[in-house]
Amino acid sequence: MSCGDPHETDCSEVLDHLYEYLDHEMSEGETTKFEEHFGECNPCLEKYGLEQAVKKLVKRCCGHDDVPGDLRSKVLGRIEMIRAGEIRPEAEASRDRDRDEASGGPAKPSEPAAKAAKGSEPAKASKAGSEPA
C-alpha cells in the first residue's frame, strides 16, 4: 500500500511497525516520524484508522479476559517470523491444524468424515455380533 508519493519514511516501514505505533512501543523519535508520515500519506492513515478501530473493538469485547503471560511473546515471535519470510501464514495455520488433530485438540473432523466415522462404528459392532464365535 502506498500513495505513490515519496516520503521520508517508506510506507512499507510504517505498515510493518503499525502495531508497535498503536501499542505505544516506539521511541519518541519513531513516533514523531510515523505521525509525520500519517500527515502526508492518506492510504497509511486510513490503514492506521482501521487497525485502531479493530484494536478498540477487541479491547471492548475481550478486554476483561486474562491472557497467559507467554502468549504475547509467542504471537509477536510468529509475526516476526512471517515478516522475515521464515514461515507463511498458511503454513502456520496448516501446522497448527495438524498438531491439533494429532493431539485430539480443538480441530473437529469435517462433517463427511464425522458421518463416515459414525457409520462405520455400528457396522463393525453389528458385524462382530453376527459372526459365529
Protein backbone atom coordinates (compact mmCIF):
# COMPACT_ATOMS: atom_id res chain seq x y z
CA MET A 1 0.00 0.00 0.00
CA SER A 2 1.34 3.40 -0.91
CA CYS A 3 0.00 6.69 -2.13
CA GLY A 4 2.73 6.73 -4.79
CA ASP A 5 4.41 9.83 -3.38
CA PRO A 6 7.93 9.72 -1.97
CA HIS A 7 8.12 10.03 1.82
CA GLU A 8 10.97 10.33 4.27
CA THR A 9 9.63 7.16 5.90
CA ASP A 10 8.62 4.46 3.43
CA CYS A 11 5.02 3.17 3.58
CA SER A 12 6.22 -0.42 3.99
CA GLU A 13 8.19 0.52 7.11
CA VAL A 14 5.14 2.26 8.57
CA LEU A 15 2.86 -0.69 7.87
CA ASP A 16 5.42 -3.22 9.15
CA HIS A 17 5.58 -1.41 12.50
CA LEU A 18 1.99 -0.16 12.74
CA TYR A 19 1.12 -2.23 15.81
CA GLU A 20 4.21 -1.01 17.63
CA TYR A 21 2.93 2.50 16.99
CA LEU A 22 -0.61 1.62 18.05
CA ASP A 23 0.66 -0.03 21.23
CA HIS A 24 2.94 2.92 22.11
CA GLU A 25 6.02 0.70 21.94
CA MET A 26 8.18 3.15 19.97
CA SER A 27 10.66 5.80 20.92
CA GLU A 28 9.51 9.42 20.72
CA GLY A 29 11.57 9.92 17.58
CA GLU A 30 9.99 6.96 15.81
CA THR A 31 6.53 8.05 16.95
CA THR A 32 7.10 11.54 15.53
CA LYS A 33 8.34 10.05 12.26
CA PHE A 34 5.17 7.95 11.95
CA GLU A 35 2.89 10.87 12.81
CA GLU A 36 4.55 12.93 10.08
CA HIS A 37 4.05 10.09 7.62
CA PHE A 38 0.35 9.79 8.50
CA GLY A 39 0.02 13.53 7.85
CA GLU A 40 1.40 13.06 4.34
CA CYS A 41 0.00 9.67 3.32
CA ASN A 42 -3.74 9.12 3.24
CA PRO A 43 -3.64 5.33 2.50
CA CYS A 44 -1.42 4.72 5.54
CA LEU A 45 -3.59 7.00 7.67
CA GLU A 46 -6.68 5.01 6.61
CA LYS A 47 -4.94 1.72 7.45
CA TYR A 48 -3.93 3.17 10.83
CA GLY A 49 -7.53 4.24 11.50
CA LEU A 50 -8.86 0.80 10.58
CA GLU A 51 -6.35 -1.04 12.77
CA GLN A 52 -7.00 1.38 15.64
CA ALA A 53 -10.75 0.69 15.38
CA VAL A 54 -10.18 -3.07 15.38
CA LYS A 55 -7.91 -2.77 18.42
CA LYS A 56 -10.57 -0.76 20.30
CA LEU A 57 -13.27 -3.28 19.38
CA VAL A 58 -11.16 -6.20 20.60
CA LYS A 59 -10.37 -4.37 23.83
CA ARG A 60 -14.04 -3.60 24.41
CA CYS A 61 -15.17 -7.16 23.69
CA CYS A 62 -12.27 -9.11 25.15
CA GLY A 63 -10.54 -6.63 27.43
CA HIS A 64 -11.63 -8.35 30.61
CA ASP A 65 -10.15 -11.75 29.82
CA ASP A 66 -6.85 -12.73 31.42
CA VAL A 67 -4.20 -13.56 28.85
CA PRO A 68 -1.47 -16.10 29.60
CA GLY A 69 1.86 -14.36 30.20
CA ASP A 70 3.75 -16.02 27.36
CA LEU A 71 1.02 -15.60 24.72
CA ARG A 72 2.12 -12.11 23.68
CA SER A 73 5.72 -13.17 23.14
CA LYS A 74 4.63 -16.23 21.11
CA VAL A 75 2.35 -14.15 18.90
CA LEU A 76 4.99 -11.46 18.34
CA GLY A 77 7.56 -14.15 17.57
CA ARG A 78 5.32 -15.69 14.92
CA ILE A 79 4.57 -12.29 13.41
CA GLU A 80 8.30 -11.58 13.12
CA MET A 81 8.88 -15.00 11.51
CA ILE A 82 6.15 -14.25 8.95
CA ARG A 83 7.58 -10.79 8.26
CA ALA A 84 11.06 -12.25 7.86
CA GLY A 85 9.70 -14.79 5.38
CA GLU A 86 10.70 -17.74 7.55
CA ILE A 87 7.14 -19.08 7.55
CA ARG A 88 3.98 -18.37 5.60
CA PRO A 89 0.72 -17.70 7.44
CA GLU A 90 -0.98 -20.55 5.54
CA ALA A 91 1.77 -22.97 6.54
CA GLU A 92 1.43 -21.87 10.14
CA ALA A 93 -2.32 -22.48 10.15
CA SER A 94 -1.88 -25.87 8.47
CA ARG A 95 0.78 -26.88 11.01
CA ASP A 96 -1.50 -25.87 13.90
CA ARG A 97 -4.39 -27.90 12.43
CA ASP A 98 -2.14 -30.94 12.00
CA ARG A 99 -0.85 -30.62 15.57
CA ASP A 100 -4.37 -30.23 16.97
CA GLU A 101 -5.65 -33.24 15.04
CA ALA A 102 -2.72 -35.38 16.19
CA SER A 103 -3.23 -34.39 19.83
CA GLY A 104 -7.03 -34.67 19.74
CA GLY A 105 -7.19 -30.91 20.36
CA PRO A 106 -9.62 -28.30 19.12
CA ALA A 107 -9.73 -29.38 15.49
CA LYS A 108 -13.03 -31.01 14.62
CA PRO A 109 -13.45 -33.52 11.82
CA SER A 110 -15.28 -32.39 8.75
CA GLU A 111 -18.94 -33.33 8.51
CA PRO A 112 -18.40 -36.09 5.90
CA ALA A 113 -15.56 -37.56 7.97
CA ALA A 114 -17.70 -37.47 11.10
CA LYS A 115 -20.60 -39.18 9.32
CA ALA A 116 -18.28 -41.82 7.90
CA ALA A 117 -16.81 -42.49 11.33
CA LYS A 118 -20.28 -42.76 12.90
CA GLY A 119 -21.47 -45.01 10.11
CA SER A 120 -18.51 -47.39 10.33
CA GLU A 121 -18.59 -48.00 14.10
CA PRO A 122 -22.09 -49.53 14.25
CA ALA A 123 -21.30 -51.63 11.19
CA LYS A 124 -18.27 -53.09 12.97
CA ALA A 125 -20.28 -53.78 16.10
CA SER A 126 -23.13 -55.48 14.24
CA LYS A 127 -20.74 -57.44 12.07
CA ALA A 128 -18.81 -58.59 15.11
CA GLY A 129 -22.05 -59.55 16.87
CA SER A 130 -23.33 -61.59 13.89
CA GLU A 131 -20.20 -63.63 13.31
CA PRO A 132 -20.03 -67.05 14.96
CA ALA A 133 -17.61 -67.37 17.87
